Amino acid sequence: MERVKIVKFYPFEVPYKRGKLLAYFDILLYGEILIRNVKLIRNVYGGMFVAMPSFQVKDRNVPVVEILSKELNEEIRRKLVDFYKEKVQELEYEEGS
């Protein structure tokens, strides 16, 4: 069984704090835990990172979900980045055809 599965993908690029929000994902962990609205963000230096759902309390964000395992966190990031790059490449290919 896949540890991380992408259920839905919502691509779009908009300015976001110190970078760009590239997409939202809904992901399924271990086939049992659904996490909605996981953000994929590109920072100003070109790196991509994942932001789990959070809510604003005064001047700080409080996470709704925290992944404690560095290994699982990296697996999620890698899966989302690879998926995003693949889909963007497909869209560029379709536009070029």
Protein backbone atom coordinates (compact mmCIF):
# COMPACT_ATOMS: atom_id res chain seq x y z
CA MET A 1 0.00 0.00 0.00
CA GLU A 2 1.18 3.51 -0.80
CA ARG A 3 2.00 5.59 2.23
CA VAL A 4 1.17 8.84 0.40
CA LYS A 5 -1.49 9.06 -2.30
CA ILE A 6 -2.67 12.18 -4.10
CA VAL A 7 -6.46 12.29 -4.14
CA LYS A 8 -7.07 15.73 -5.71
CA PHE A 9 -4.88 18.35 -7.31
CA TYR A 10 -5.80 22.01 -7.77
CA PRO A 11 -3.07 23.80 -9.79
CA PHE A 12 -2.77 27.57 -10.04
CA GLU A 13 -0.08 30.14 -9.41
CA VAL A 14 -0.69 33.16 -7.23
CA PRO A 15 1.65 35.39 -5.24
CA TYR A 16 2.02 34.12 -1.68
CA LYS A 17 3.88 35.76 1.20
CA ARG A 18 7.53 35.26 0.17
CA GLY A 19 7.04 33.28 -3.02
CA LYS A 20 4.21 31.70 -5.04
CA LEU A 21 1.43 29.33 -4.13
CA LEU A 22 1.58 26.72 -6.90
CA ALA A 23 -1.18 24.27 -6.00
CA TYR A 24 -3.42 22.73 -3.37
CA PHE A 25 -3.56 18.97 -2.85
CA ASP A 26 -5.78 16.57 -0.95
CA ILE A 27 -3.63 13.64 0.15
CA LEU A 28 -4.34 10.26 1.71
CA LEU A 29 -1.85 8.82 4.20
CA TYR A 30 -1.68 5.06 4.74
CA GLY A 31 -5.07 4.71 3.03
CA GLU A 32 -6.77 6.00 6.20
CA ILE A 33 -6.01 9.67 6.87
CA LEU A 34 -7.29 12.32 4.43
CA ILE A 35 -5.63 15.73 4.63
CA ARG A 36 -7.23 18.47 2.56
CA ASN A 37 -5.73 21.78 1.41
CA VAL A 38 -2.05 20.91 1.56
CA LYS A 39 -0.21 23.78 -0.16
CA LEU A 40 2.75 23.50 -2.50
CA ILE A 41 4.75 26.74 -2.37
CA ARG A 42 7.77 27.96 -4.34
CA ASN A 43 9.96 30.31 -2.33
CA VAL A 44 11.78 33.30 -3.81
CA TYR A 45 14.92 31.19 -4.31
CA GLY A 46 13.09 28.60 -6.43
CA GLY A 47 12.83 25.83 -3.83
CA MET A 48 9.49 24.11 -3.27
CA PHE A 49 8.04 23.19 0.07
CA VAL A 50 4.82 21.82 1.48
CA ALA A 51 2.64 23.67 3.99
CA MET A 52 0.09 21.64 5.92
CA PRO A 53 -3.32 23.19 6.66
CA SER A 54 -3.25 25.84 9.37
CA PHE A 55 -5.36 28.65 10.75
CA GLN A 56 -4.47 32.19 11.75
CA VAL A 57 -4.42 33.20 15.43
CA LYS A 58 -3.47 36.84 15.86
CA ASP A 59 -0.08 37.14 14.15
CA ARG A 60 0.87 33.48 13.73
CA ASN A 61 -0.29 30.34 11.92
CA VAL A 62 -1.29 27.36 14.03
CA PRO A 63 -0.98 24.00 12.24
CA VAL A 64 -4.05 21.80 11.98
CA VAL A 65 -1.88 18.83 10.99
CA GLU A 66 1.74 18.18 11.89
CA ILE A 67 3.81 15.40 10.38
CA LEU A 68 6.33 14.45 13.06
CA SER A 69 8.38 12.02 10.98
CA LYS A 70 11.07 13.75 8.89
CA GLU A 71 11.04 10.75 6.57
CA LEU A 72 7.29 10.94 5.94
CA ASN A 73 7.48 14.73 5.58
CA GLU A 74 10.15 14.36 2.89
CA GLU A 75 8.17 11.60 1.15
CA ILE A 76 5.11 13.87 1.01
CA ARG A 77 7.17 16.79 -0.31
CA ARG A 78 8.88 14.67 -2.96
CA LYS A 79 5.58 13.12 -4.11
CA LEU A 80 3.83 16.50 -4.42
CA VAL A 81 6.76 18.23 -6.15
CA ASP A 82 7.22 15.36 -8.63
CA PHE A 83 3.48 15.22 -9.35
CA TYR A 84 3.30 18.97 -9.85
CA LYS A 85 6.30 19.03 -12.21
CA GLU A 86 4.85 16.14 -14.22
CA LYS A 87 1.46 17.83 -14.60
CA VAL A 88 2.98 21.19 -15.56
CA GLN A 89 5.12 19.45 -18.17
CA GLU A 90 2.01 17.69 -19.57
CA LEU A 91 0.15 21.00 -19.79
CA GLU A 92 3.08 22.68 -21.57
CA TYR A 93 3.30 19.76 -24.01
CA GLU A 94 -0.45 19.96 -24.74
CA GLU A 95 -0.24 23.73 -25.34
CA GLY A 96 2.73 23.23 -27.70
CA SER A 97 0.91 20.59 -29.78
